[in-house]
Amino acid sequence: MNRVSAAIASAIFFILAPGTVAGVLPWLISGWELRPAFLGEWTRMAGAALAAAGLFALMDSFGRFAFQGLGTPAPVLPTKHLVVTGLYRHVRNPMYVAVVALVLGRALLLSDWRLLACAAAVWLGFQAFVTMYEEPTLREMFGEDYEVYCRGVRRWWPRLSPWRPLS
């Protein structure tokens, strides 16, 4: 897969997967109805900032998969190269963290408890997928390189300083 086809396939997957989980699903739950603020207007601002950060992280990560990894986040069109740059130097799963941040940010912005529950359910689904499918697959595909990466970068909680491989 070249960069152009990887970018096109990634854009399609971006709309289908995170677009559904972080866009359509929260809309179906909330209708984007603004409710009385949880703890004051600052929670809305925090939610907007969290959602914006999540969107930025998601777009950056998708771009890295297409242009550096020469593939997509879709399991059927995986990357040729292990991507360990950008936000991947801080956390192993920035796309999943970003999607949860988008849902959680909307929950705070709209003050909707149902979206808080949705964010928790989405994270639990990601945890199951990552541990049962994704990590074993990446270990098989990338071997020791992935093992070294896993020892240096946590699955969900970001490092403050960027990870640097020894080689």
C-alpha atoms as a PDB file:
ATOM      1  CA  MET A   1       0.000   0.000   0.000  1.00  0.00           C
ATOM      2  CA  ASN A   2       1.378   3.426  -0.911  1.00  0.00           C
ATOM      3  CA  ARG A   3       0.804   6.686   0.968  1.00  0.00           C
ATOM      4  CA  VAL A   4      -2.080   7.834  -1.235  1.00  0.00           C
ATOM      5  CA  SER A   5      -4.061   4.598  -0.996  1.00  0.00           C
ATOM      6  CA  ALA A   6      -3.282   4.380   2.731  1.00  0.00           C
ATOM      7  CA  ALA A   7      -4.546   7.952   3.224  1.00  0.00           C
ATOM      8  CA  ILE A   8      -7.759   7.278   1.290  1.00  0.00           C
ATOM      9  CA  ALA A   9      -8.430   3.999   3.100  1.00  0.00           C
ATOM     10  CA  SER A  10      -7.642   5.637   6.452  1.00  0.00           C
ATOM     11  CA  ALA A  11     -10.036   8.512   5.708  1.00  0.00           C
ATOM     12  CA  ILE A  12     -12.814   6.050   4.928  1.00  0.00           C
ATOM     13  CA  PHE A  13     -12.093   4.069   8.097  1.00  0.00           C
ATOM     14  CA  PHE A  14     -11.956   7.356  10.086  1.00  0.00           C
ATOM     15  CA  ILE A  15     -15.528   8.128   9.039  1.00  0.00           C
ATOM     16  CA  LEU A  16     -16.782   4.578   9.619  1.00  0.00           C
ATOM     17  CA  ALA A  17     -15.166   3.618  12.940  1.00  0.00           C
ATOM     18  CA  PRO A  18     -14.396   6.654  15.114  1.00  0.00           C
ATOM     19  CA  GLY A  19     -17.074   8.616  13.261  1.00  0.00           C
ATOM     20  CA  THR A  20     -19.645   6.091  14.425  1.00  0.00           C
ATOM     21  CA  VAL A  21     -18.320   5.545  17.959  1.00  0.00           C
ATOM     22  CA  ALA A  22     -17.470   9.177  18.777  1.00  0.00           C
ATOM     23  CA  GLY A  23     -20.041  10.905  16.559  1.00  0.00           C
ATOM     24  CA  VAL A  24     -23.144   8.934  15.635  1.00  0.00           C
ATOM     25  CA  LEU A  25     -23.449   6.940  18.870  1.00  0.00           C
ATOM     26  CA  PRO A  26     -23.219   9.983  21.182  1.00  0.00           C
ATOM     27  CA  TRP A  27     -25.689  11.823  18.945  1.00  0.00           C
ATOM     28  CA  LEU A  28     -28.159   8.917  19.139  1.00  0.00           C
ATOM     29  CA  ILE A  29     -27.817   8.929  22.935  1.00  0.00           C
ATOM     30  CA  SER A  30     -27.947  12.684  23.528  1.00  0.00           C
ATOM     31  CA  GLY A  31     -29.379  14.339  20.423  1.00  0.00           C
ATOM     32  CA  TRP A  32     -26.714  16.976  21.221  1.00  0.00           C
ATOM     33  CA  GLU A  33     -29.158  18.364  23.811  1.00  0.00           C
ATOM     34  CA  LEU A  34     -27.487  20.781  26.201  1.00  0.00           C
ATOM     35  CA  ARG A  35     -28.469  20.021  29.804  1.00  0.00           C
ATOM     36  CA  PRO A  36     -27.818  22.015  32.980  1.00  0.00           C
ATOM     37  CA  ALA A  37     -24.065  22.062  33.638  1.00  0.00           C
ATOM     38  CA  PHE A  38     -22.687  19.338  35.928  1.00  0.00           C
ATOM     39  CA  LEU A  39     -20.550  21.527  38.196  1.00  0.00           C
ATOM     40  CA  GLY A  40     -20.709  24.917  36.536  1.00  0.00           C
ATOM     41  CA  GLU A  41     -19.838  26.311  33.152  1.00  0.00           C
ATOM     42  CA  TRP A  42     -16.174  25.402  33.587  1.00  0.00           C
ATOM     43  CA  THR A  43     -17.132  21.747  33.012  1.00  0.00           C
ATOM     44  CA  ARG A  44     -18.467  22.686  29.579  1.00  0.00           C
ATOM     45  CA  MET A  45     -15.201  24.447  28.746  1.00  0.00           C
ATOM     46  CA  ALA A  46     -13.210  21.451  30.002  1.00  0.00           C
ATOM     47  CA  GLY A  47     -15.395  19.167  27.881  1.00  0.00           C
ATOM     48  CA  ALA A  48     -14.878  21.284  24.783  1.00  0.00           C
ATOM     49  CA  ALA A  49     -11.105  21.307  25.357  1.00  0.00           C
ATOM     50  CA  LEU A  50     -11.052  17.537  25.933  1.00  0.00           C
ATOM     51  CA  ALA A  51     -13.074  16.869  22.775  1.00  0.00           C
ATOM     52  CA  ALA A  52     -10.844  19.197  20.728  1.00  0.00           C
ATOM     53  CA  ALA A  53      -7.700  17.483  22.056  1.00  0.00           C
ATOM     54  CA  GLY A  54      -9.233  14.106  21.253  1.00  0.00           C
ATOM     55  CA  LEU A  55     -10.021  15.151  17.691  1.00  0.00           C
ATOM     56  CA  PHE A  56      -6.491  16.486  17.175  1.00  0.00           C
ATOM     57  CA  ALA A  57      -4.945  13.292  18.599  1.00  0.00           C
ATOM     58  CA  LEU A  58      -7.173  11.107  16.437  1.00  0.00           C
ATOM     59  CA  MET A  59      -6.342  12.980  13.236  1.00  0.00           C
ATOM     60  CA  ASP A  60      -2.614  12.994  14.018  1.00  0.00           C
ATOM     61  CA  SER A  61      -2.597   9.266  14.744  1.00  0.00           C
ATOM     62  CA  PHE A  62      -4.542   8.382  11.600  1.00  0.00           C
ATOM     63  CA  GLY A  63      -2.108  10.455   9.550  1.00  0.00           C
ATOM     64  CA  ARG A  64       0.876   8.656  11.050  1.00  0.00           C
ATOM     65  CA  PHE A  65      -0.628   5.275  10.205  1.00  0.00           C
ATOM     66  CA  ALA A  66      -1.121   6.289   6.584  1.00  0.00           C
ATOM     67  CA  PHE A  67       2.095   8.209   5.935  1.00  0.00           C
ATOM     68  CA  GLN A  68       4.617   6.466   8.214  1.00  0.00           C
ATOM     69  CA  GLY A  69       3.079   3.032   8.688  1.00  0.00           C
ATOM     70  CA  LEU A  70       1.859   2.748   5.078  1.00  0.00           C
ATOM     71  CA  GLY A  71      -1.441   1.254   6.173  1.00  0.00           C
ATOM     72  CA  THR A  72      -4.568   1.979   8.127  1.00  0.00           C
ATOM     73  CA  PRO A  73      -5.926   1.464  11.645  1.00  0.00           C
ATOM     74  CA  ALA A  74      -8.402  -1.029  10.128  1.00  0.00           C
ATOM     75  CA  PRO A  75      -7.394  -4.598  11.005  1.00  0.00           C
ATOM     76  CA  VAL A  76      -8.011  -5.677   7.389  1.00  0.00           C
ATOM     77  CA  LEU A  77      -5.459  -3.145   6.052  1.00  0.00           C
ATOM     78  CA  PRO A  78      -2.743  -2.974   8.726  1.00  0.00           C
ATOM     79  CA  THR A  79       0.427  -0.925   8.596  1.00  0.00           C
ATOM     80  CA  LYS A  80       3.648  -2.308   7.133  1.00  0.00           C
ATOM     81  CA  HIS A  81       5.737  -0.523   9.759  1.00  0.00           C
ATOM     82  CA  LEU A  82       5.300  -0.223  13.513  1.00  0.00           C
ATOM     83  CA  VAL A  83       4.343   3.391  14.266  1.00  0.00           C
ATOM     84  CA  VAL A  84       6.128   4.705  17.371  1.00  0.00           C
ATOM     85  CA  THR A  85       6.334   8.447  16.686  1.00  0.00           C
ATOM     86  CA  GLY A  86       4.200  11.416  17.702  1.00  0.00           C
ATOM     87  CA  LEU A  87       1.667  10.589  20.400  1.00  0.00           C
ATOM     88  CA  TYR A  88       2.710   6.930  20.163  1.00  0.00           C
ATOM     89  CA  ARG A  89       5.858   7.968  22.041  1.00  0.00           C
ATOM     90  CA  HIS A  90       3.628   8.795  25.025  1.00  0.00           C
ATOM     91  CA  VAL A  91       0.867   6.155  24.973  1.00  0.00           C
ATOM     92  CA  ARG A  92       0.455   2.902  23.013  1.00  0.00           C
ATOM     93  CA  ASN A  93      -3.169   3.532  22.053  1.00  0.00           C
ATOM     94  CA  PRO A  94      -3.642   7.223  21.301  1.00  0.00           C
ATOM     95  CA  MET A  95      -6.511   6.570  18.872  1.00  0.00           C
ATOM     96  CA  TYR A  96      -8.547   4.745  21.491  1.00  0.00           C
ATOM     97  CA  VAL A  97      -7.672   7.328  24.141  1.00  0.00           C
ATOM     98  CA  ALA A  98      -8.721  10.039  21.671  1.00  0.00           C
ATOM     99  CA  VAL A  99     -12.089   8.420  20.927  1.00  0.00           C
ATOM    100  CA  VAL A 100     -12.820   8.065  24.643  1.00  0.00           C
ATOM    101  CA  ALA A 101     -11.736  11.703  25.121  1.00  0.00           C
ATOM    102  CA  LEU A 102     -14.166  12.785  22.397  1.00  0.00           C
ATOM    103  CA  VAL A 103     -17.093  10.959  24.012  1.00  0.00           C
ATOM    104  CA  LEU A 104     -16.105  12.067  27.510  1.00  0.00           C
ATOM    105  CA  GLY A 105     -15.600  15.638  26.300  1.00  0.00           C
ATOM    106  CA  ARG A 106     -19.080  15.668  24.809  1.00  0.00           C
ATOM    107  CA  ALA A 107     -20.468  14.241  28.049  1.00  0.00           C
ATOM    108  CA  LEU A 108     -18.977  17.176  29.968  1.00  0.00           C
ATOM    109  CA  LEU A 109     -19.919  19.718  27.311  1.00  0.00           C
ATOM    110  CA  LEU A 110     -23.539  18.559  27.160  1.00  0.00           C
ATOM    111  CA  SER A 111     -23.697  17.552  30.849  1.00  0.00           C
ATOM    112  CA  ASP A 112     -25.122  14.165  29.936  1.00  0.00           C
ATOM    113  CA  TRP A 113     -24.623  11.278  32.374  1.00  0.00           C
ATOM    114  CA  ARG A 114     -25.555   8.803  29.651  1.00  0.00           C
ATOM    115  CA  LEU A 115     -22.525   9.870  27.639  1.00  0.00           C
ATOM    116  CA  LEU A 116     -20.311   9.334  30.687  1.00  0.00           C
ATOM    117  CA  ALA A 117     -21.600   5.758  30.792  1.00  0.00           C
ATOM    118  CA  CYS A 118     -21.065   5.502  27.028  1.00  0.00           C
ATOM    119  CA  ALA A 119     -17.427   6.633  27.410  1.00  0.00           C
ATOM    120  CA  ALA A 120     -16.862   3.951  30.056  1.00  0.00           C
ATOM    121  CA  ALA A 121     -18.473   1.278  27.858  1.00  0.00           C
ATOM    122  CA  VAL A 122     -16.394   2.362  24.856  1.00  0.00           C
ATOM    123  CA  TRP A 123     -13.201   2.155  26.914  1.00  0.00           C
ATOM    124  CA  LEU A 124     -14.132  -1.324  28.179  1.00  0.00           C
ATOM    125  CA  GLY A 125     -14.732  -2.433  24.591  1.00  0.00           C
ATOM    126  CA  PHE A 126     -11.358  -1.029  23.552  1.00  0.00           C
ATOM    127  CA  GLN A 127      -9.652  -2.756  26.497  1.00  0.00           C
ATOM    128  CA  ALA A 128     -11.112  -6.102  25.453  1.00  0.00           C
ATOM    129  CA  PHE A 129     -10.189  -5.604  21.776  1.00  0.00           C
ATOM    130  CA  VAL A 130      -6.645  -4.479  22.557  1.00  0.00           C
ATOM    131  CA  THR A 131      -5.837  -7.292  24.966  1.00  0.00           C
ATOM    132  CA  MET A 132      -7.569 -10.119  23.105  1.00  0.00           C
ATOM    133  CA  TYR A 133      -6.791  -9.233  19.477  1.00  0.00           C
ATOM    134  CA  GLU A 134      -4.618  -6.214  18.799  1.00  0.00           C
ATOM    135  CA  GLU A 135      -1.642  -6.776  21.086  1.00  0.00           C
ATOM    136  CA  PRO A 136      -1.241 -10.482  20.213  1.00  0.00           C
ATOM    137  CA  THR A 137      -1.460  -9.578  16.516  1.00  0.00           C
ATOM    138  CA  LEU A 138       1.148  -6.817  16.840  1.00  0.00           C
ATOM    139  CA  ARG A 139       3.460  -9.146  18.769  1.00  0.00           C
ATOM    140  CA  GLU A 140       3.191 -11.633  15.928  1.00  0.00           C
ATOM    141  CA  MET A 141       3.712  -9.005  13.210  1.00  0.00           C
ATOM    142  CA  PHE A 142       6.504  -6.939  14.765  1.00  0.00           C
ATOM    143  CA  GLY A 143       8.111  -9.316  17.288  1.00  0.00           C
ATOM    144  CA  GLU A 144      10.834  -7.932  19.511  1.00  0.00           C
ATOM    145  CA  ASP A 145      10.376  -4.357  18.242  1.00  0.00           C
ATOM    146  CA  TYR A 146       6.835  -4.376  19.633  1.00  0.00           C
ATOM    147  CA  GLU A 147       7.975  -6.014  22.901  1.00  0.00           C
ATOM    148  CA  VAL A 148      10.574  -3.283  23.435  1.00  0.00           C
ATOM    149  CA  TYR A 149       7.955  -0.656  22.678  1.00  0.00           C
ATOM    150  CA  CYS A 150       5.497  -2.206  25.157  1.00  0.00           C
ATOM    151  CA  ARG A 151       8.131  -2.179  27.899  1.00  0.00           C
ATOM    152  CA  GLY A 152       8.711   1.553  27.329  1.00  0.00           C
ATOM    153  CA  VAL A 153       5.194   2.869  26.697  1.00  0.00           C
ATOM    154  CA  ARG A 154       2.065   2.188  28.749  1.00  0.00           C
ATOM    155  CA  ARG A 155      -1.176   0.996  27.153  1.00  0.00           C
ATOM    156  CA  TRP A 156      -3.550   3.736  28.430  1.00  0.00           C
ATOM    157  CA  TRP A 157      -1.832   6.195  30.740  1.00  0.00           C
ATOM    158  CA  PRO A 158       0.476   8.586  28.840  1.00  0.00           C
ATOM    159  CA  ARG A 159       4.119   9.106  29.725  1.00  0.00           C
ATOM    160  CA  LEU A 160       5.069  12.708  30.410  1.00  0.00           C
ATOM    161  CA  SER A 161       8.396  12.407  28.615  1.00  0.00           C
ATOM    162  CA  PRO A 162       8.438  10.909  25.121  1.00  0.00           C
ATOM    163  CA  TRP A 163       9.762   7.368  24.795  1.00  0.00           C
ATOM    164  CA  ARG A 164      12.899   6.920  22.738  1.00  0.00           C
ATOM    165  CA  PRO A 165      14.011   3.523  21.486  1.00  0.00           C
ATOM    166  CA  LEU A 166      17.576   2.589  22.364  1.00  0.00           C
ATOM    167  CA  SER A 167      18.572   1.822  18.777  1.00  0.00           C
END
